[in-house]
Amino acid sequence: MIKTAKSVGAPKAATVRPPKRMAAPAKATKKARLIALLSRKSGADVPGLSTTLGWLPHTTRAALTGLRKAGYEIAKVKPGNGKPSRYQIIGSPEADVV
């Protein structure tokens, strides 16, 4: 293509388009929901957490282990009478101070 006098120095006007739709607000993650459920005074049991979060029981127990490894202190209370154990967060990890 041969450049002519018209196309040499004429910058193209930038077109500004508005966003097609606004970004949706951030949803609470399942981890955040799990922490909220375990932070309640009564805590929560594995069957209740599994139902609420839509997880299988082994996934729920693995998530509890993950929270422990992340620094959360989780207490396990065995109520007896054939009822499932309840879990409650009694300590959260300290923020890294640099």
N, C-alpha and C. Protein backbone atom coordinates (compact mmCIF):
# COMPACT_ATOMS: atom_id res chain seq x y z
N MET A 1 0.84 -1.17 0.00
CA MET A 1 0.00 0.00 0.00
C MET A 1 0.89 1.24 0.00
N ILE A 2 0.57 2.18 -0.81
CA ILE A 2 1.31 3.43 -0.92
C ILE A 2 0.62 4.45 -0.05
N LYS A 3 1.40 5.11 0.82
CA LYS A 3 0.83 6.12 1.71
C LYS A 3 0.69 7.43 0.95
N THR A 4 -0.45 8.02 1.14
CA THR A 4 -0.71 9.31 0.52
C THR A 4 -0.61 10.39 1.59
N ALA A 5 -0.68 11.61 1.20
CA ALA A 5 -0.57 12.73 2.12
C ALA A 5 -1.69 12.71 3.17
N LYS A 6 -2.84 12.21 2.79
CA LYS A 6 -3.96 12.18 3.73
C LYS A 6 -3.72 11.16 4.86
N SER A 7 -3.13 10.01 4.56
CA SER A 7 -3.01 8.96 5.56
C SER A 7 -1.72 9.00 6.35
N VAL A 8 -0.77 9.85 5.98
CA VAL A 8 0.52 9.85 6.64
C VAL A 8 0.45 10.37 8.07
N GLY A 9 -0.05 11.55 8.30
CA GLY A 9 0.02 12.13 9.63
C GLY A 9 -1.31 12.18 10.35
N ALA A 10 -2.34 11.63 9.80
CA ALA A 10 -3.65 11.74 10.41
C ALA A 10 -3.88 10.58 11.39
N PRO A 11 -3.85 10.89 12.70
CA PRO A 11 -4.12 9.81 13.66
C PRO A 11 -5.60 9.46 13.66
N LYS A 12 -5.88 8.21 13.92
CA LYS A 12 -7.27 7.77 13.98
C LYS A 12 -7.85 8.15 15.35
N ALA A 13 -9.08 8.55 15.33
CA ALA A 13 -9.75 8.90 16.58
C ALA A 13 -10.06 7.62 17.34
N ALA A 14 -9.75 7.60 18.63
CA ALA A 14 -10.03 6.44 19.46
C ALA A 14 -11.51 6.43 19.80
N THR A 15 -12.11 5.28 19.66
CA THR A 15 -13.51 5.16 20.03
C THR A 15 -13.60 4.59 21.43
N VAL A 16 -14.36 5.26 22.26
CA VAL A 16 -14.54 4.82 23.63
C VAL A 16 -15.92 4.21 23.73
N ARG A 17 -15.94 2.96 24.15
CA ARG A 17 -17.22 2.27 24.28
C ARG A 17 -17.51 2.01 25.75
N PRO A 18 -18.73 2.23 26.15
CA PRO A 18 -19.08 1.92 27.54
C PRO A 18 -19.09 0.40 27.72
N PRO A 19 -18.86 -0.08 28.94
CA PRO A 19 -18.90 -1.53 29.15
C PRO A 19 -20.29 -2.06 28.85
N LYS A 20 -20.33 -3.27 28.33
CA LYS A 20 -21.62 -3.86 27.96
C LYS A 20 -22.50 -4.08 29.18
N ARG A 21 -21.87 -4.50 30.27
CA ARG A 21 -22.62 -4.64 31.52
C ARG A 21 -21.67 -4.46 32.67
N MET A 22 -22.20 -4.07 33.78
CA MET A 22 -21.38 -3.84 34.96
C MET A 22 -20.96 -5.18 35.54
N ALA A 23 -19.79 -5.21 36.16
CA ALA A 23 -19.31 -6.43 36.79
C ALA A 23 -20.19 -6.74 38.00
N ALA A 24 -20.47 -8.01 38.15
CA ALA A 24 -21.30 -8.44 39.28
C ALA A 24 -20.49 -8.34 40.56
N PRO A 25 -21.13 -8.06 41.68
CA PRO A 25 -20.40 -8.00 42.95
C PRO A 25 -19.81 -9.37 43.26
N ALA A 26 -18.69 -9.37 43.94
CA ALA A 26 -18.00 -10.62 44.27
C ALA A 26 -18.89 -11.49 45.17
N LYS A 27 -18.97 -12.76 44.81
CA LYS A 27 -19.75 -13.69 45.63
C LYS A 27 -18.88 -14.18 46.78
N ALA A 28 -19.53 -14.53 47.86
CA ALA A 28 -18.81 -15.11 48.98
C ALA A 28 -18.33 -16.50 48.56
N THR A 29 -17.08 -16.80 48.81
CA THR A 29 -16.55 -18.09 48.45
C THR A 29 -17.06 -19.15 49.41
N LYS A 30 -16.96 -20.40 49.00
CA LYS A 30 -17.39 -21.48 49.89
C LYS A 30 -16.52 -21.53 51.13
N LYS A 31 -15.24 -21.20 50.96
CA LYS A 31 -14.35 -21.17 52.12
C LYS A 31 -14.82 -20.11 53.11
N ALA A 32 -15.20 -18.94 52.61
CA ALA A 32 -15.69 -17.87 53.48
C ALA A 32 -16.99 -18.29 54.16
N ARG A 33 -17.85 -18.97 53.42
CA ARG A 33 -19.11 -19.46 54.02
C ARG A 33 -18.81 -20.51 55.09
N LEU A 34 -17.84 -21.40 54.82
CA LEU A 34 -17.46 -22.42 55.80
C LEU A 34 -16.94 -21.77 57.08
N ILE A 35 -16.09 -20.77 56.93
CA ILE A 35 -15.55 -20.06 58.10
C ILE A 35 -16.67 -19.38 58.88
N ALA A 36 -17.62 -18.78 58.17
CA ALA A 36 -18.75 -18.13 58.84
C ALA A 36 -19.59 -19.14 59.62
N LEU A 37 -19.84 -20.29 59.03
CA LEU A 37 -20.64 -21.32 59.70
C LEU A 37 -19.93 -21.86 60.93
N LEU A 38 -18.62 -22.05 60.82
CA LEU A 38 -17.86 -22.59 61.95
C LEU A 38 -17.61 -21.54 63.03
N SER A 39 -17.77 -20.27 62.70
CA SER A 39 -17.53 -19.20 63.67
C SER A 39 -18.74 -18.93 64.55
N ARG A 40 -19.86 -19.53 64.21
CA ARG A 40 -21.04 -19.34 65.06
C ARG A 40 -20.80 -19.94 66.45
N LYS A 41 -21.54 -19.45 67.42
CA LYS A 41 -21.38 -19.92 68.80
C LYS A 41 -21.66 -21.42 68.92
N SER A 42 -22.63 -21.92 68.16
CA SER A 42 -22.96 -23.34 68.23
C SER A 42 -22.10 -24.19 67.32
N GLY A 43 -21.31 -23.56 66.43
CA GLY A 43 -20.49 -24.33 65.50
C GLY A 43 -21.35 -25.02 64.46
N ALA A 44 -20.84 -26.11 63.90
CA ALA A 44 -21.59 -26.85 62.88
C ALA A 44 -21.08 -28.28 62.83
N ASP A 45 -21.94 -29.18 62.33
CA ASP A 45 -21.53 -30.57 62.18
C ASP A 45 -21.31 -30.87 60.69
N VAL A 46 -20.62 -31.98 60.40
CA VAL A 46 -20.26 -32.31 59.02
C VAL A 46 -21.50 -32.50 58.14
N PRO A 47 -22.54 -33.24 58.60
CA PRO A 47 -23.72 -33.37 57.73
C PRO A 47 -24.38 -32.02 57.40
N GLY A 48 -24.45 -31.13 58.37
CA GLY A 48 -25.03 -29.82 58.14
C GLY A 48 -24.19 -28.98 57.18
N LEU A 49 -22.87 -29.02 57.36
CA LEU A 49 -21.98 -28.28 56.47
C LEU A 49 -22.06 -28.83 55.05
N SER A 50 -22.09 -30.17 54.94
CA SER A 50 -22.16 -30.80 53.62
C SER A 50 -23.42 -30.38 52.87
N THR A 51 -24.53 -30.36 53.56
CA THR A 51 -25.80 -29.98 52.95
C THR A 51 -25.77 -28.50 52.56
N THR A 52 -25.33 -27.65 53.45
CA THR A 52 -25.32 -26.22 53.21
C THR A 52 -24.40 -25.84 52.06
N LEU A 53 -23.22 -26.45 52.01
CA LEU A 53 -22.22 -26.09 51.00
C LEU A 53 -22.32 -26.93 49.73
N GLY A 54 -23.11 -27.99 49.75
CA GLY A 54 -23.25 -28.84 48.57
C GLY A 54 -22.05 -29.74 48.36
N TRP A 55 -21.38 -30.09 49.43
CA TRP A 55 -20.20 -30.95 49.36
C TRP A 55 -20.53 -32.34 49.89
N LEU A 56 -19.71 -33.31 49.51
CA LEU A 56 -19.79 -34.64 50.10
C LEU A 56 -19.08 -34.59 51.45
N PRO A 57 -19.42 -35.52 52.37
CA PRO A 57 -18.80 -35.46 53.70
C PRO A 57 -17.27 -35.50 53.68
N HIS A 58 -16.67 -36.30 52.79
CA HIS A 58 -15.20 -36.36 52.78
C HIS A 58 -14.59 -35.04 52.31
N THR A 59 -15.30 -34.32 51.45
CA THR A 59 -14.82 -33.01 51.00
C THR A 59 -14.90 -32.01 52.14
N THR A 60 -15.96 -32.09 52.92
CA THR A 60 -16.14 -31.21 54.07
C THR A 60 -15.03 -31.43 55.10
N ARG A 61 -14.74 -32.70 55.38
CA ARG A 61 -13.67 -33.00 56.35
C ARG A 61 -12.31 -32.52 55.82
N ALA A 62 -12.09 -32.67 54.52
CA ALA A 62 -10.83 -32.18 53.92
C ALA A 62 -10.74 -30.66 54.04
N ALA A 63 -11.86 -29.96 53.88
CA ALA A 63 -11.86 -28.50 54.01
C ALA A 63 -11.53 -28.10 55.45
N LEU A 64 -12.01 -28.87 56.42
CA LEU A 64 -11.68 -28.60 57.83
C LEU A 64 -10.18 -28.77 58.05
N THR A 65 -9.61 -29.81 57.45
CA THR A 65 -8.17 -30.03 57.55
C THR A 65 -7.41 -28.88 56.90
N GLY A 66 -7.89 -28.41 55.76
CA GLY A 66 -7.26 -27.28 55.08
C GLY A 66 -7.27 -26.02 55.93
N LEU A 67 -8.38 -25.80 56.65
CA LEU A 67 -8.44 -24.63 57.54
C LEU A 67 -7.45 -24.77 58.69
N ARG A 68 -7.32 -25.99 59.22
CA ARG A 68 -6.35 -26.21 60.29
C ARG A 68 -4.94 -25.92 59.80
N LYS A 69 -4.62 -26.40 58.60
CA LYS A 69 -3.28 -26.16 58.04
C LYS A 69 -3.05 -24.69 57.74
N ALA A 70 -4.13 -23.94 57.49
CA ALA A 70 -4.02 -22.51 57.22
C ALA A 70 -3.87 -21.70 58.51
N GLY A 71 -3.95 -22.38 59.66
CA GLY A 71 -3.74 -21.68 60.93
C GLY A 71 -4.97 -21.49 61.79
N TYR A 72 -6.12 -21.94 61.33
CA TYR A 72 -7.33 -21.82 62.15
C TYR A 72 -7.30 -22.89 63.23
N GLU A 73 -7.73 -22.51 64.42
CA GLU A 73 -7.84 -23.48 65.51
C GLU A 73 -9.29 -23.92 65.59
N ILE A 74 -9.52 -25.21 65.35
CA ILE A 74 -10.88 -25.73 65.29
C ILE A 74 -11.08 -26.72 66.42
N ALA A 75 -12.10 -26.47 67.23
CA ALA A 75 -12.43 -27.36 68.33
C ALA A 75 -13.47 -28.38 67.87
N LYS A 76 -13.33 -29.61 68.34
CA LYS A 76 -14.28 -30.67 68.02
C LYS A 76 -14.98 -31.07 69.31
N VAL A 77 -16.31 -31.01 69.29
CA VAL A 77 -17.11 -31.34 70.46
C VAL A 77 -17.93 -32.58 70.12
N LYS A 78 -17.77 -33.62 70.95
CA LYS A 78 -18.54 -34.84 70.76
C LYS A 78 -19.75 -34.80 71.69
N PRO A 79 -20.95 -34.58 71.15
CA PRO A 79 -22.13 -34.45 72.01
C PRO A 79 -22.62 -35.77 72.58
N GLY A 80 -22.25 -36.90 72.01
CA GLY A 80 -22.74 -38.19 72.50
C GLY A 80 -24.14 -38.46 71.97
N ASN A 81 -24.80 -39.43 72.53
CA ASN A 81 -26.16 -39.80 72.14
C ASN A 81 -26.28 -40.11 70.65
N GLY A 82 -25.19 -40.52 70.00
CA GLY A 82 -25.24 -40.86 68.59
C GLY A 82 -25.30 -39.67 67.65
N LYS A 83 -25.17 -38.47 68.18
CA LYS A 83 -25.21 -37.27 67.33
C LYS A 83 -23.81 -37.03 66.74
N PRO A 84 -23.75 -36.40 65.57
CA PRO A 84 -22.44 -36.14 64.96
C PRO A 84 -21.65 -35.07 65.73
N SER A 85 -20.34 -35.17 65.63
CA SER A 85 -19.46 -34.18 66.28
C SER A 85 -19.68 -32.81 65.68
N ARG A 86 -19.53 -31.80 66.52
CA ARG A 86 -19.67 -30.41 66.07
C ARG A 86 -18.29 -29.76 66.08
N TYR A 87 -18.09 -28.89 65.12
CA TYR A 87 -16.81 -28.19 64.98
C TYR A 87 -17.05 -26.70 65.11
N GLN A 88 -16.07 -26.02 65.73
CA GLN A 88 -16.19 -24.58 65.91
C GLN A 88 -14.79 -23.96 65.83
N ILE A 89 -14.69 -22.83 65.13
CA ILE A 89 -13.42 -22.10 65.08
C ILE A 89 -13.27 -21.33 66.38
N ILE A 90 -12.16 -21.60 67.09
CA ILE A 90 -11.91 -20.90 68.34
C ILE A 90 -10.69 -19.99 68.24
N GLY A 91 -9.98 -20.05 67.11
CA GLY A 91 -8.83 -19.17 66.90
C GLY A 91 -8.54 -19.05 65.43
N SER A 92 -8.25 -17.83 64.98
CA SER A 92 -7.96 -17.63 63.57
C SER A 92 -6.47 -17.30 63.40
N PRO A 93 -5.94 -17.51 62.19
CA PRO A 93 -4.51 -17.25 61.99
C PRO A 93 -4.19 -15.77 62.14
N GLU A 94 -2.99 -15.50 62.63
CA GLU A 94 -2.55 -14.12 62.78
C GLU A 94 -2.08 -13.62 61.43
N ALA A 95 -2.29 -12.35 61.18
CA ALA A 95 -1.84 -11.74 59.92
C ALA A 95 -0.33 -11.60 59.96
N ASP A 96 0.30 -11.80 58.82
CA ASP A 96 1.74 -11.65 58.72
C ASP A 96 2.10 -10.18 58.85
N VAL A 97 2.97 -9.86 59.77
CA VAL A 97 3.41 -8.49 59.96
C VAL A 97 4.80 -8.37 59.39
N VAL A 98 4.95 -7.49 58.40
CA VAL A 98 6.25 -7.32 57.76
C VAL A 98 6.82 -5.98 58.06
